[in-house]
Amino acid sequence: PVVDDDDAFDDAFDEAATALEAADALYVAEGDAPGTRTPCRVISGDLGLAATAMAHCLERMPLRAPTELPVTLYAAPSCADYAGAVVEDARLKIVLCGAQATAASVKASLAAAPGMLEAATAPVEEVDEAA
């Protein structure tokens, strides 16, 4: 879910980043969100979670030049429970921590990502009050 509390998201993101930096190894899975051509990246210190993301959550994507992807999901099972997402500069960041960092949550978040990104970046229709 897109968060209303930016401070809570920032705290969870910082905790996840610290946990990932301290991990023995980082695993990165890249592919398209299910049923779309929206490129996504999953970053985790958990081999099983990254492997599941690659094998069961993401779809193969065409070979592209290296670039920053519009969706990045950070999964940190060792952190306090948290699930949230925020769009910054037309990029969606999803943080799943603790009990929320499961294969099912990763898959659901990636499936919802294109819609969340589209909703957040859609132009706002102005209402003509003179009419």
Foldseek 3Di string as FASTA:
>chain_A
DADPDPVVVVVLVVVLVVQLVPAPDKAKAWAAAPPDQQIEIEIESDPVLNVLCNPPQHDHHDDDDDDDGQEYEGAAQVDDADWHWHHDPLHIYIYGYHPRRDNVNSNVCSNCVVVVSCVVPPDDDDDDPVD
